[in-house]
N, C-alpha and C. Protein backbone atom coordinates (compact mmCIF):
# COMPACT_ATOMS: atom_id res chain seq x y z
N THR A 1 -12.07 4.84 -15.44
CA THR A 1 -11.73 6.22 -15.72
C THR A 1 -10.80 6.76 -14.64
N ASP A 2 -10.43 8.00 -14.76
CA ASP A 2 -9.42 8.57 -13.86
C ASP A 2 -9.90 8.75 -12.42
N ASP A 3 -11.20 8.79 -12.18
CA ASP A 3 -11.69 9.00 -10.82
C ASP A 3 -12.12 7.72 -10.12
N ASP A 4 -11.92 6.57 -10.73
CA ASP A 4 -12.32 5.30 -10.14
C ASP A 4 -11.36 4.85 -9.06
N VAL A 5 -11.86 4.03 -8.14
CA VAL A 5 -10.99 3.37 -7.17
C VAL A 5 -10.18 2.32 -7.94
N VAL A 6 -8.87 2.39 -7.82
CA VAL A 6 -8.01 1.44 -8.52
C VAL A 6 -7.84 0.17 -7.70
N TYR A 7 -7.67 0.33 -6.39
CA TYR A 7 -7.45 -0.82 -5.52
C TYR A 7 -7.77 -0.41 -4.10
N THR A 8 -8.40 -1.30 -3.34
CA THR A 8 -8.63 -1.06 -1.92
C THR A 8 -8.56 -2.39 -1.19
N ALA A 9 -8.00 -2.36 0.01
CA ALA A 9 -7.92 -3.56 0.85
C ALA A 9 -7.83 -3.12 2.30
N THR A 10 -8.35 -3.95 3.19
CA THR A 10 -8.31 -3.66 4.62
C THR A 10 -7.83 -4.90 5.36
N LEU A 11 -6.76 -4.73 6.13
CA LEU A 11 -6.30 -5.81 7.00
C LEU A 11 -7.04 -5.71 8.33
N PRO A 12 -7.46 -6.83 8.88
CA PRO A 12 -8.10 -6.79 10.20
C PRO A 12 -7.12 -6.33 11.28
N ALA A 13 -7.66 -5.75 12.34
CA ALA A 13 -6.83 -5.31 13.47
C ALA A 13 -5.96 -6.47 13.95
N GLY A 14 -4.73 -6.18 14.26
CA GLY A 14 -3.81 -7.19 14.78
C GLY A 14 -3.08 -7.97 13.71
N SER A 15 -3.31 -7.67 12.44
CA SER A 15 -2.67 -8.42 11.35
C SER A 15 -1.18 -8.11 11.21
N LEU A 16 -0.81 -6.85 11.45
CA LEU A 16 0.61 -6.49 11.36
C LEU A 16 1.34 -6.99 12.60
N ILE A 17 2.47 -7.61 12.40
CA ILE A 17 3.30 -8.10 13.50
C ILE A 17 4.41 -7.10 13.75
N GLU A 18 4.55 -6.70 15.00
CA GLU A 18 5.61 -5.76 15.37
C GLU A 18 6.92 -6.52 15.47
N ARG A 19 7.87 -6.20 14.59
CA ARG A 19 9.17 -6.88 14.56
C ARG A 19 10.19 -6.17 15.45
N THR A 20 10.19 -4.85 15.40
CA THR A 20 11.02 -4.02 16.26
C THR A 20 10.08 -3.01 16.90
N PRO A 21 9.97 -2.99 18.23
CA PRO A 21 8.99 -2.13 18.88
C PRO A 21 9.02 -0.68 18.39
N GLY A 22 7.86 -0.24 17.89
CA GLY A 22 7.71 1.13 17.43
C GLY A 22 8.39 1.46 16.12
N ARG A 23 9.06 0.50 15.50
CA ARG A 23 9.86 0.78 14.30
C ARG A 23 9.50 -0.06 13.06
N ASN A 24 9.38 -1.35 13.22
CA ASN A 24 9.18 -2.23 12.07
C ASN A 24 8.01 -3.17 12.29
N TYR A 25 7.15 -3.21 11.27
CA TYR A 25 5.96 -4.06 11.32
C TYR A 25 5.87 -4.82 10.00
N SER A 26 5.28 -6.01 10.05
CA SER A 26 5.16 -6.78 8.81
C SER A 26 3.90 -7.65 8.82
N TYR A 27 3.54 -8.05 7.62
CA TYR A 27 2.43 -8.97 7.38
C TYR A 27 2.86 -9.84 6.21
N ASP A 28 2.67 -11.15 6.34
CA ASP A 28 3.04 -12.08 5.28
C ASP A 28 1.94 -13.11 5.07
N ASP A 29 1.52 -13.25 3.83
CA ASP A 29 0.56 -14.28 3.44
C ASP A 29 0.77 -14.57 1.95
N PRO A 30 1.54 -15.60 1.62
CA PRO A 30 1.84 -15.90 0.21
C PRO A 30 0.59 -16.11 -0.65
N THR A 31 -0.54 -16.48 -0.04
CA THR A 31 -1.76 -16.73 -0.82
C THR A 31 -2.50 -15.44 -1.17
N GLY A 32 -2.25 -14.36 -0.43
CA GLY A 32 -2.96 -13.11 -0.68
C GLY A 32 -4.43 -13.20 -0.36
N ALA A 33 -4.79 -13.98 0.65
CA ALA A 33 -6.20 -14.22 0.98
C ALA A 33 -6.97 -12.96 1.34
N ILE A 34 -6.31 -11.96 1.91
CA ILE A 34 -6.99 -10.72 2.29
C ILE A 34 -6.66 -9.64 1.27
N GLY A 35 -7.61 -9.34 0.41
CA GLY A 35 -7.45 -8.26 -0.56
C GLY A 35 -6.29 -8.44 -1.52
N GLY A 36 -5.82 -9.67 -1.66
CA GLY A 36 -4.69 -9.93 -2.56
C GLY A 36 -3.35 -9.55 -1.95
N ILE A 37 -3.32 -9.15 -0.68
CA ILE A 37 -2.07 -8.70 -0.05
C ILE A 37 -1.21 -9.91 0.32
N ARG A 38 -0.02 -9.94 -0.25
CA ARG A 38 0.95 -10.99 0.10
C ARG A 38 1.90 -10.53 1.18
N LYS A 39 2.32 -9.27 1.10
CA LYS A 39 3.34 -8.80 2.04
C LYS A 39 3.18 -7.30 2.27
N ILE A 40 3.32 -6.91 3.52
CA ILE A 40 3.37 -5.49 3.89
C ILE A 40 4.56 -5.30 4.82
N ARG A 41 5.28 -4.23 4.60
CA ARG A 41 6.36 -3.82 5.49
C ARG A 41 6.13 -2.35 5.82
N LEU A 42 6.14 -2.03 7.10
CA LEU A 42 6.05 -0.65 7.56
C LEU A 42 7.28 -0.38 8.41
N ARG A 43 8.10 0.55 7.95
CA ARG A 43 9.32 0.92 8.67
C ARG A 43 9.21 2.38 9.09
N VAL A 44 9.42 2.63 10.38
CA VAL A 44 9.33 3.98 10.93
C VAL A 44 10.72 4.38 11.41
N ASN A 45 11.22 5.53 10.91
CA ASN A 45 12.57 5.96 11.32
C ASN A 45 12.52 6.71 12.65
N LYS A 46 13.67 7.12 13.14
CA LYS A 46 13.76 7.78 14.44
C LYS A 46 13.04 9.12 14.49
N HIS A 47 12.74 9.68 13.32
CA HIS A 47 12.01 10.95 13.25
C HIS A 47 10.50 10.73 13.15
N GLY A 48 10.06 9.47 13.12
CA GLY A 48 8.64 9.16 13.04
C GLY A 48 8.09 9.08 11.64
N THR A 49 8.97 9.17 10.63
CA THR A 49 8.54 9.06 9.24
C THR A 49 8.51 7.59 8.84
N GLY A 50 7.41 7.18 8.25
CA GLY A 50 7.26 5.78 7.88
C GLY A 50 7.32 5.55 6.38
N VAL A 51 7.76 4.36 6.02
CA VAL A 51 7.74 3.90 4.63
C VAL A 51 6.93 2.61 4.60
N LEU A 52 5.90 2.60 3.77
CA LEU A 52 5.03 1.44 3.63
C LEU A 52 5.31 0.76 2.30
N SER A 53 5.59 -0.54 2.34
CA SER A 53 5.77 -1.33 1.12
C SER A 53 4.66 -2.36 1.06
N LEU A 54 4.07 -2.51 -0.12
CA LEU A 54 2.94 -3.42 -0.31
C LEU A 54 3.21 -4.30 -1.51
N ASP A 55 3.04 -5.60 -1.34
CA ASP A 55 3.20 -6.56 -2.43
C ASP A 55 1.91 -7.37 -2.50
N THR A 56 1.35 -7.47 -3.69
CA THR A 56 0.09 -8.19 -3.87
C THR A 56 0.25 -9.33 -4.87
N VAL A 57 -0.76 -10.18 -4.90
CA VAL A 57 -0.87 -11.14 -5.98
C VAL A 57 -1.21 -10.35 -7.24
N ARG A 58 -1.19 -10.98 -8.39
CA ARG A 58 -1.58 -10.29 -9.62
C ARG A 58 -3.02 -9.83 -9.50
N LEU A 59 -3.24 -8.54 -9.75
CA LEU A 59 -4.57 -7.94 -9.60
C LEU A 59 -5.08 -7.40 -10.93
N ASP A 60 -6.39 -7.38 -11.07
CA ASP A 60 -7.02 -6.77 -12.25
C ASP A 60 -7.16 -5.28 -11.99
N LEU A 61 -6.30 -4.49 -12.62
CA LEU A 61 -6.36 -3.03 -12.48
C LEU A 61 -6.87 -2.39 -13.77
N SER A 62 -7.71 -3.11 -14.49
CA SER A 62 -8.18 -2.64 -15.79
C SER A 62 -9.02 -1.36 -15.69
N GLN A 63 -9.54 -1.05 -14.50
CA GLN A 63 -10.31 0.18 -14.36
C GLN A 63 -9.42 1.42 -14.37
N ALA A 64 -8.11 1.25 -14.24
CA ALA A 64 -7.17 2.38 -14.30
C ALA A 64 -6.75 2.59 -15.75
N GLU A 65 -6.87 3.82 -16.21
CA GLU A 65 -6.43 4.12 -17.57
C GLU A 65 -4.91 3.92 -17.66
N ALA A 66 -4.44 3.52 -18.81
CA ALA A 66 -3.01 3.22 -19.02
C ALA A 66 -2.21 4.50 -19.25
N ASN A 67 -2.11 5.32 -18.20
CA ASN A 67 -1.30 6.54 -18.25
C ASN A 67 -0.92 6.93 -16.83
N ASN A 68 -0.20 8.03 -16.67
CA ASN A 68 0.20 8.48 -15.34
C ASN A 68 -1.03 8.95 -14.56
N HIS A 69 -1.04 8.70 -13.26
CA HIS A 69 -2.17 9.04 -12.40
C HIS A 69 -1.70 9.68 -11.11
N ARG A 70 -2.54 10.51 -10.56
CA ARG A 70 -2.34 10.99 -9.19
C ARG A 70 -3.18 10.07 -8.31
N LEU A 71 -2.52 9.30 -7.45
CA LEU A 71 -3.21 8.35 -6.58
C LEU A 71 -3.02 8.72 -5.13
N SER A 72 -4.02 8.42 -4.33
CA SER A 72 -3.95 8.63 -2.89
C SER A 72 -3.87 7.28 -2.20
N VAL A 73 -3.02 7.19 -1.19
CA VAL A 73 -2.87 5.99 -0.39
C VAL A 73 -3.17 6.37 1.05
N GLN A 74 -4.06 5.63 1.69
CA GLN A 74 -4.44 5.92 3.07
C GLN A 74 -4.00 4.77 3.96
N LEU A 75 -3.40 5.11 5.10
CA LEU A 75 -3.03 4.15 6.13
C LEU A 75 -3.70 4.60 7.42
N ALA A 76 -4.55 3.74 7.97
CA ALA A 76 -5.25 4.07 9.21
C ALA A 76 -5.10 2.91 10.19
N SER A 77 -4.83 3.27 11.45
CA SER A 77 -4.69 2.26 12.51
C SER A 77 -4.95 2.95 13.84
N GLY A 78 -5.97 2.51 14.53
CA GLY A 78 -6.33 3.15 15.80
C GLY A 78 -6.62 4.63 15.58
N ASP A 79 -5.91 5.49 16.31
CA ASP A 79 -6.09 6.94 16.18
C ASP A 79 -5.30 7.52 15.01
N TYR A 80 -4.42 6.73 14.42
CA TYR A 80 -3.58 7.21 13.32
C TYR A 80 -4.34 7.08 12.00
N ASP A 81 -4.33 8.14 11.21
CA ASP A 81 -4.97 8.12 9.89
C ASP A 81 -4.23 9.11 9.00
N GLN A 82 -3.51 8.60 8.02
CA GLN A 82 -2.69 9.44 7.15
C GLN A 82 -2.97 9.09 5.69
N THR A 83 -3.08 10.11 4.86
CA THR A 83 -3.25 9.92 3.43
C THR A 83 -2.12 10.62 2.70
N ASP A 84 -1.52 9.93 1.75
CA ASP A 84 -0.45 10.51 0.93
C ASP A 84 -0.92 10.46 -0.52
N SER A 85 -0.69 11.54 -1.24
CA SER A 85 -1.10 11.61 -2.64
C SER A 85 0.11 11.96 -3.48
N ARG A 86 0.35 11.18 -4.51
CA ARG A 86 1.46 11.47 -5.42
C ARG A 86 1.18 10.89 -6.80
N THR A 87 1.99 11.29 -7.74
CA THR A 87 1.82 10.82 -9.12
C THR A 87 2.49 9.46 -9.28
N TRP A 88 1.76 8.58 -9.92
CA TRP A 88 2.28 7.26 -10.26
C TRP A 88 2.45 7.23 -11.78
N GLU A 89 3.56 6.66 -12.23
CA GLU A 89 3.87 6.58 -13.65
C GLU A 89 3.62 5.16 -14.16
N LEU A 90 3.19 5.09 -15.41
CA LEU A 90 3.07 3.80 -16.08
C LEU A 90 4.42 3.49 -16.71
N LEU A 91 5.12 2.49 -16.16
CA LEU A 91 6.43 2.08 -16.66
C LEU A 91 6.42 0.60 -16.94
N GLN A 92 6.64 0.23 -18.18
CA GLN A 92 6.69 -1.17 -18.60
C GLN A 92 5.45 -1.94 -18.12
N GLY A 93 4.28 -1.32 -18.23
CA GLY A 93 3.04 -1.97 -17.89
C GLY A 93 2.70 -2.00 -16.41
N LYS A 94 3.50 -1.31 -15.57
CA LYS A 94 3.25 -1.29 -14.12
C LYS A 94 3.18 0.15 -13.64
N LEU A 95 2.31 0.39 -12.65
CA LEU A 95 2.26 1.71 -12.03
C LEU A 95 3.28 1.76 -10.90
N LYS A 96 4.15 2.77 -10.93
CA LYS A 96 5.17 2.97 -9.90
C LYS A 96 5.18 4.42 -9.50
N THR A 97 5.47 4.68 -8.22
CA THR A 97 5.46 6.06 -7.76
C THR A 97 6.65 6.82 -8.31
N GLN A 98 6.41 8.10 -8.60
CA GLN A 98 7.51 8.99 -8.95
C GLN A 98 8.24 9.32 -7.67
N ARG A 99 9.53 9.47 -7.74
CA ARG A 99 10.31 9.79 -6.53
C ARG A 99 10.69 11.24 -6.52
């Protein structure tokens, strides 16, 4: 239903590799052994605004109704804890964020 958890995963501390100090971080695991996560990219611009990209193995999202949803995404690390909520659209069988 609309209030169910659609997907949740937690990477252990130290999983993200800092590629550019304070700016770019990544995680790569083609097998998706942790929560189905294959790839994560976190890019932080000079103003401190970050963009998180997440790529997973094929997941069973059947608990999500096949329509547009308001979803919340939380990123927490150490003292940092941020939640973003936005509408995701069902497009060609996939949920994608509205821009």
